[in-house]
Amino acid sequence: MAVCRLAVLSAVLAFALVGPAFAADPIEPRADLTLKGQIQFPRAQSMYVRTGAKDGSRLTVALGFHGKCKGGGLGELWASNVAAKPEVRVRDGKFEAELTGTSRNVGGVSGRTASYTWTFSGRFTDREVAVATVSGTAEVRNGSKVVSRCEIRKPASVRLAVRSA
């Protein structure tokens, strides 16, 4: 009986001294990087993310868009590397933001502008690699008149990494 008590007591002490198991520390992106990738739309579009010069958790983003449109102006709209605002913050290796951007002279037509709204979310899998999902809408205007409303039909994924030129 004493042997059983001793075995149980030593097992309890061993687990108590080991302590709780913790998940890996969150990944913090390196500062002053440009991560590039292709958003996996039906027609792939380029995008990039720049980390802050001194703070890797501040991201400047340029997104792509490929969506079907309704209205009399366009049937489809696609664009690459459209500058988006505001700056995105990384917390615990993850990010999520609603971003906006504008492109001018859409389709080569003077005075036609597209205003985009994106939902951009993802996480860093390494200090120099991120995976994300992009979805959104766009409104195309010719002057002040709305000619088309466009939508990304299905959220698309992207893998962003440091690419050599």
Protein backbone atom coordinates (compact mmCIF):
# COMPACT_ATOMS: atom_id res chain seq x y z
CA MET A 1 0.00 0.00 0.00
CA ALA A 2 2.83 2.39 0.80
CA VAL A 3 4.38 1.67 -2.59
CA CYS A 4 1.13 2.68 -4.37
CA ARG A 5 0.91 5.91 -2.38
CA LEU A 6 4.54 6.70 -3.16
CA ALA A 7 3.98 6.05 -6.90
CA VAL A 8 0.87 8.25 -7.02
CA LEU A 9 2.53 11.02 -5.02
CA SER A 10 5.62 11.05 -7.26
CA ALA A 11 3.43 11.14 -10.41
CA VAL A 12 1.45 14.10 -9.04
CA LEU A 13 4.65 15.97 -8.12
CA ALA A 14 6.17 15.30 -11.55
CA PHE A 15 3.15 16.84 -13.33
CA ALA A 16 3.05 19.77 -10.90
CA LEU A 17 6.70 20.63 -11.51
CA VAL A 18 6.44 20.40 -15.31
CA GLY A 19 3.81 23.16 -15.43
CA PRO A 20 1.17 23.87 -18.02
CA ALA A 21 1.89 23.57 -21.73
CA PHE A 22 1.65 26.80 -23.72
CA ALA A 23 1.06 27.33 -27.41
CA ALA A 24 3.92 28.79 -29.43
CA ASP A 25 4.48 32.51 -29.08
CA PRO A 26 2.65 34.62 -31.68
CA ILE A 27 4.67 35.44 -34.77
CA GLU A 28 5.65 39.08 -35.13
CA PRO A 29 6.49 40.21 -38.69
CA ARG A 30 9.91 41.67 -39.46
CA ALA A 31 10.12 45.41 -40.02
CA ASP A 32 10.81 47.01 -43.41
CA LEU A 33 9.68 44.15 -45.69
CA THR A 34 7.61 43.98 -48.84
CA LEU A 35 5.55 40.80 -49.13
CA LYS A 36 4.03 40.06 -52.55
CA GLY A 37 1.54 37.53 -53.84
CA GLN A 38 -1.23 36.65 -56.30
CA ILE A 39 -4.81 36.68 -55.02
CA GLN A 40 -6.44 33.45 -56.21
CA PHE A 41 -9.38 34.98 -58.07
CA PRO A 42 -10.59 33.31 -61.30
CA ARG A 43 -8.22 35.82 -62.93
CA ALA A 44 -5.29 36.11 -60.48
CA GLN A 45 -4.49 39.67 -59.34
CA SER A 46 -1.32 40.98 -57.70
CA MET A 47 -1.14 42.56 -54.29
CA TYR A 48 1.51 43.50 -51.76
CA VAL A 49 1.94 44.28 -48.08
CA ARG A 50 4.69 46.51 -46.67
CA THR A 51 5.64 46.29 -43.02
CA GLY A 52 6.59 49.48 -41.18
CA ALA A 53 10.18 50.72 -41.39
CA LYS A 54 10.63 50.43 -37.61
CA ASP A 55 7.49 48.56 -36.54
CA GLY A 56 6.68 45.31 -38.35
CA SER A 57 3.17 45.25 -36.88
CA ARG A 58 2.07 48.21 -39.06
CA LEU A 59 1.05 47.14 -42.56
CA THR A 60 0.51 49.26 -45.66
CA VAL A 61 -1.56 47.27 -48.16
CA ALA A 62 -2.25 47.39 -51.92
CA LEU A 63 -4.97 44.92 -52.93
CA GLY A 64 -6.38 43.42 -56.09
CA PHE A 65 -9.99 42.99 -57.16
CA HIS A 66 -11.87 40.69 -59.54
CA GLY A 67 -15.63 40.76 -59.42
CA LYS A 68 -18.83 40.45 -61.41
CA CYS A 69 -20.75 43.66 -61.99
CA LYS A 70 -24.41 44.63 -62.24
CA GLY A 71 -25.65 47.68 -64.03
CA GLY A 72 -25.17 49.09 -67.49
CA GLY A 73 -21.49 49.92 -67.35
CA LEU A 74 -19.40 46.76 -66.90
CA GLY A 75 -19.86 43.01 -66.75
CA GLU A 76 -16.63 42.38 -64.87
CA LEU A 77 -14.01 44.47 -63.07
CA TRP A 78 -10.45 43.54 -62.20
CA ALA A 79 -7.52 45.50 -60.84
CA SER A 80 -4.12 44.88 -59.23
CA ASN A 81 -2.13 46.68 -56.54
CA VAL A 82 -4.75 49.31 -55.64
CA ALA A 83 -3.50 51.34 -52.66
CA ALA A 84 -5.76 50.72 -49.65
CA LYS A 85 -6.38 52.69 -46.46
CA PRO A 86 -6.16 52.70 -43.45
CA GLU A 87 -2.97 51.12 -42.17
CA VAL A 88 -3.51 47.59 -40.79
CA ARG A 89 -2.27 46.52 -37.34
CA VAL A 90 -0.97 43.03 -36.57
CA ARG A 91 -1.88 41.66 -33.14
CA ASP A 92 -0.63 38.28 -31.94
CA GLY A 93 0.44 37.48 -35.50
CA LYS A 94 -3.10 38.05 -36.88
CA PHE A 95 -4.73 40.91 -38.76
CA GLU A 96 -8.21 41.89 -39.90
CA ALA A 97 -9.40 45.14 -41.42
CA GLU A 98 -11.96 46.78 -43.66
CA LEU A 99 -10.06 48.76 -46.27
CA THR A 100 -10.98 51.23 -49.01
CA GLY A 101 -9.26 52.31 -52.20
CA THR A 102 -9.86 54.10 -55.49
CA SER A 103 -8.62 53.68 -59.04
CA ARG A 104 -9.09 56.26 -61.77
CA ASN A 105 -9.62 55.98 -65.53
CA VAL A 106 -10.97 52.43 -65.16
CA GLY A 107 -10.83 50.50 -68.43
CA GLY A 108 -8.97 53.40 -70.02
CA VAL A 109 -12.07 55.62 -69.87
CA SER A 110 -11.29 59.15 -68.72
CA GLY A 111 -13.46 60.18 -65.76
CA ARG A 112 -14.46 56.61 -64.80
CA THR A 113 -13.48 55.76 -61.20
CA ALA A 114 -13.87 52.66 -59.10
CA SER A 115 -14.24 52.87 -55.32
CA TYR A 116 -13.39 49.61 -53.56
CA THR A 117 -14.22 48.27 -50.11
CA TRP A 118 -12.38 45.13 -49.01
CA THR A 119 -12.40 42.83 -46.02
CA PHE A 120 -8.82 41.66 -45.53
CA SER A 121 -7.91 39.13 -42.84
CA GLY A 122 -5.16 36.64 -42.20
CA ARG A 123 -2.14 35.69 -40.15
CA PHE A 124 1.62 35.47 -40.32
CA THR A 125 2.87 31.88 -40.59
CA ASP A 126 6.50 33.02 -40.39
CA ARG A 127 8.20 36.39 -39.83
CA GLU A 128 8.39 36.81 -43.63
CA VAL A 129 5.26 34.91 -44.80
CA ALA A 130 1.54 35.64 -44.41
CA VAL A 131 -1.66 33.98 -45.62
CA ALA A 132 -4.84 35.99 -46.04
CA THR A 133 -8.39 36.08 -47.40
CA VAL A 134 -9.79 38.92 -49.52
CA SER A 135 -13.42 39.78 -50.26
CA GLY A 136 -15.14 43.00 -51.21
CA THR A 137 -17.26 45.24 -53.38
CA ALA A 138 -16.72 48.09 -55.81
CA GLU A 139 -18.78 50.94 -57.18
CA VAL A 140 -17.89 52.25 -60.64
CA ARG A 141 -18.80 55.84 -61.49
CA ASN A 142 -18.58 57.87 -64.64
CA GLY A 143 -18.43 61.41 -63.33
CA SER A 144 -21.03 61.50 -60.54
CA LYS A 145 -23.27 58.75 -62.00
CA VAL A 146 -22.98 55.16 -60.71
CA VAL A 147 -22.69 52.90 -63.78
CA SER A 148 -21.94 49.53 -62.11
CA ARG A 149 -21.82 47.82 -58.73
CA CYS A 150 -19.38 44.93 -58.52
CA GLU A 151 -18.78 42.17 -56.00
CA ILE A 152 -16.16 39.51 -55.38
CA ARG A 153 -18.37 36.40 -55.56
CA LYS A 154 -16.32 34.19 -53.26
CA PRO A 155 -13.57 35.18 -50.78
CA ALA A 156 -10.17 34.48 -52.33
CA SER A 157 -6.95 33.41 -50.65
CA VAL A 158 -3.43 34.72 -51.06
CA ARG A 159 0.01 33.70 -49.81
CA LEU A 160 2.34 36.65 -49.35
CA ALA A 161 6.11 36.25 -49.13
CA VAL A 162 9.31 38.17 -49.77
CA ARG A 163 9.96 37.89 -53.51
CA SER A 164 13.19 38.71 -55.27
CA ALA A 165 12.92 41.18 -58.14
